[in-house]
């Protein structure tokens, strides 16, 4: 269960990251801080919170839940609202797929918290190190380019 929760949290963070990159690639700049909050939440989830529940199950589950909800309600929720009342129709893929993956990930991480099954230490570190390196690189690179 923990591995599936890990994969779904990485998927939802990756989808939101690429969604942000697609919108930033066609726009001249940000009109608010909400997409930026969602972007940094996706980097934190991808790099750190996706595997934290391997080592600290309760704290990792709480932080992953908080950041997943913050990531969704800071920006993709507004895309979903815009689909139903806006001037232009955005595809439902941009909001419903991340929302469903968020609910699946939250459910799986809390279910795996109840099952106190031990994981191999090498597996934990093998799953934790690559997202950390990528998140550090992307987060620092983007911050330097964006904030100058």
Protein backbone atom coordinates (compact mmCIF):
# COMPACT_ATOMS: atom_id res chain seq x y z
CA UNK A 1 0.00 0.00 0.00
CA UNK A 2 2.77 2.45 0.84
CA UNK A 3 4.39 1.98 -2.55
CA UNK A 4 1.07 2.65 -4.32
CA UNK A 5 0.52 5.76 -2.19
CA UNK A 6 4.05 6.83 -3.11
CA UNK A 7 3.36 6.35 -6.83
CA UNK A 8 0.02 8.19 -6.78
CA UNK A 9 1.45 11.14 -4.85
CA UNK A 10 4.32 11.39 -7.34
CA UNK A 11 1.87 11.16 -10.24
CA UNK A 12 -0.39 13.92 -8.94
CA UNK A 13 2.57 16.18 -8.17
CA UNK A 14 4.00 15.52 -11.64
CA UNK A 15 0.68 16.25 -13.34
CA UNK A 16 0.31 19.54 -11.47
CA UNK A 17 3.92 20.44 -12.23
CA UNK A 18 3.45 19.87 -15.97
CA UNK A 19 0.10 21.64 -15.90
CA UNK A 20 1.78 24.64 -14.31
CA UNK A 21 4.59 24.50 -16.87
CA UNK A 22 2.09 24.38 -19.74
CA UNK A 23 0.21 27.42 -18.48
CA UNK A 24 3.39 29.34 -17.74
CA UNK A 25 4.74 28.49 -21.18
CA UNK A 26 1.90 30.28 -22.95
CA UNK A 27 1.28 33.18 -20.59
CA UNK A 28 3.27 36.34 -20.15
CA UNK A 29 3.31 36.10 -16.37
CA UNK A 30 1.39 35.30 -13.24
CA UNK A 31 -1.68 37.27 -12.29
CA UNK A 32 -1.69 35.86 -8.76
CA UNK A 33 0.39 33.80 -6.37
CA UNK A 34 -1.98 30.83 -6.36
CA UNK A 35 -0.35 28.94 -9.27
CA UNK A 36 3.04 29.53 -7.67
CA UNK A 37 1.81 28.09 -4.35
CA UNK A 38 0.46 25.06 -6.20
CA UNK A 39 3.75 24.67 -8.07
CA UNK A 40 5.90 24.75 -4.92
CA UNK A 41 3.50 22.38 -3.14
CA UNK A 42 3.89 19.93 -6.03
CA UNK A 43 7.69 20.12 -5.72
CA UNK A 44 7.50 19.52 -1.95
CA UNK A 45 5.11 16.60 -2.44
CA UNK A 46 7.17 15.09 -5.24
CA UNK A 47 10.51 15.43 -3.51
CA UNK A 48 9.81 14.97 0.17
CA UNK A 49 6.28 14.12 1.21
CA UNK A 50 5.85 11.27 -1.25
CA UNK A 51 8.24 9.13 0.82
CA UNK A 52 8.10 10.68 4.31
CA UNK A 53 5.38 8.26 5.40
CA UNK A 54 7.88 5.42 4.89
CA UNK A 55 9.93 6.70 7.82
CA UNK A 56 7.38 8.60 9.96
CA UNK A 57 4.00 7.19 9.12
CA UNK A 58 1.66 9.48 11.05
CA UNK A 59 3.55 12.76 10.44
CA UNK A 60 4.09 11.86 6.79
CA UNK A 61 0.39 11.07 6.31
CA UNK A 62 -0.72 14.34 7.92
CA UNK A 63 1.74 16.49 5.96
CA UNK A 64 0.97 14.73 2.68
CA UNK A 65 -2.76 15.26 3.23
CA UNK A 66 -2.32 18.95 4.08
CA UNK A 67 -0.03 19.69 1.15
CA UNK A 68 -2.13 17.72 -1.36
CA UNK A 69 -5.22 19.67 -0.38
CA UNK A 70 -3.31 22.96 -0.37
CA UNK A 71 -1.90 22.15 -3.79
CA UNK A 72 -5.35 21.44 -5.22
CA UNK A 73 -7.28 24.26 -3.61
CA UNK A 74 -4.69 26.91 -4.38
CA UNK A 75 -5.08 26.66 -8.13
CA UNK A 76 -6.66 23.59 -9.87
CA UNK A 77 -9.92 24.12 -7.96
CA UNK A 78 -10.21 27.49 -9.69
CA UNK A 79 -9.64 25.78 -13.04
CA UNK A 80 -12.52 23.43 -12.23
CA UNK A 81 -14.79 26.35 -11.31
CA UNK A 82 -13.74 28.16 -14.49
CA UNK A 83 -14.80 25.16 -16.54
CA UNK A 84 -18.39 25.49 -15.39
CA UNK A 85 -18.82 29.27 -15.25
CA UNK A 86 -16.00 30.77 -17.28
CA UNK A 87 -15.84 32.33 -20.68
CA UNK A 88 -13.55 29.61 -21.97
CA UNK A 89 -13.96 25.92 -21.38
CA UNK A 90 -10.95 24.20 -19.93
CA UNK A 91 -10.82 20.41 -20.23
CA UNK A 92 -12.02 18.56 -17.14
CA UNK A 93 -8.79 16.53 -17.29
CA UNK A 94 -6.93 19.46 -15.78
CA UNK A 95 -8.93 19.34 -12.56
CA UNK A 96 -10.66 15.99 -12.16
CA UNK A 97 -7.66 13.73 -12.73
CA UNK A 98 -5.52 15.49 -10.08
CA UNK A 99 -8.50 15.60 -7.71
CA UNK A 100 -9.16 11.87 -8.05
CA UNK A 101 -5.46 11.04 -7.65
CA UNK A 102 -5.34 13.25 -4.54
CA UNK A 103 -8.23 11.37 -2.95
CA UNK A 104 -6.70 8.01 -3.87
CA UNK A 105 -3.30 9.04 -2.49
CA UNK A 106 -4.76 10.35 0.77
CA UNK A 107 -6.83 7.19 1.21
CA UNK A 108 -3.87 4.90 0.52
CA UNK A 109 -1.47 6.72 2.82
CA UNK A 110 -3.93 6.60 5.72
CA UNK A 111 -4.74 2.93 5.07
CA UNK A 112 -1.05 2.07 4.98
CA UNK A 113 -0.59 3.95 8.27
CA UNK A 114 -2.98 1.53 9.97
CA UNK A 115 -1.14 -1.50 8.65
CA UNK A 116 2.15 -1.50 10.51
CA UNK A 117 4.06 -3.46 7.89
CA UNK A 118 7.84 -2.90 7.95
CA UNK A 119 9.67 -1.99 4.77
CA UNK A 120 13.25 -2.78 3.95
CA UNK A 121 15.53 0.17 4.77
CA UNK A 122 17.29 -0.02 1.41
CA UNK A 123 13.97 0.13 -0.42
CA UNK A 124 12.99 3.21 1.58
CA UNK A 125 16.20 5.04 0.71
CA UNK A 126 16.11 3.89 -2.91
CA UNK A 127 12.63 5.37 -3.29
CA UNK A 128 13.47 8.56 -1.37
CA UNK A 129 16.73 9.72 -2.92
CA UNK A 130 15.82 10.19 -6.64
CA UNK A 131 12.77 12.44 -6.02
CA UNK A 132 14.84 14.47 -3.54
CA UNK A 133 17.57 15.16 -6.06
CA UNK A 134 15.10 16.06 -8.80
CA UNK A 135 13.02 18.29 -6.50
CA UNK A 136 16.10 20.16 -5.29
CA UNK A 137 17.27 20.72 -8.83
CA UNK A 138 13.90 21.83 -10.23
CA UNK A 139 12.98 23.95 -7.20
CA UNK A 140 16.28 25.79 -7.04
CA UNK A 141 16.55 26.19 -10.81
CA UNK A 142 13.01 27.56 -11.12
CA UNK A 143 13.40 29.87 -8.12
CA UNK A 144 16.63 31.35 -9.48
CA UNK A 145 15.12 31.90 -12.92
CA UNK A 146 11.79 33.24 -11.66
CA UNK A 147 12.91 35.48 -8.82
CA UNK A 148 16.10 36.47 -10.52
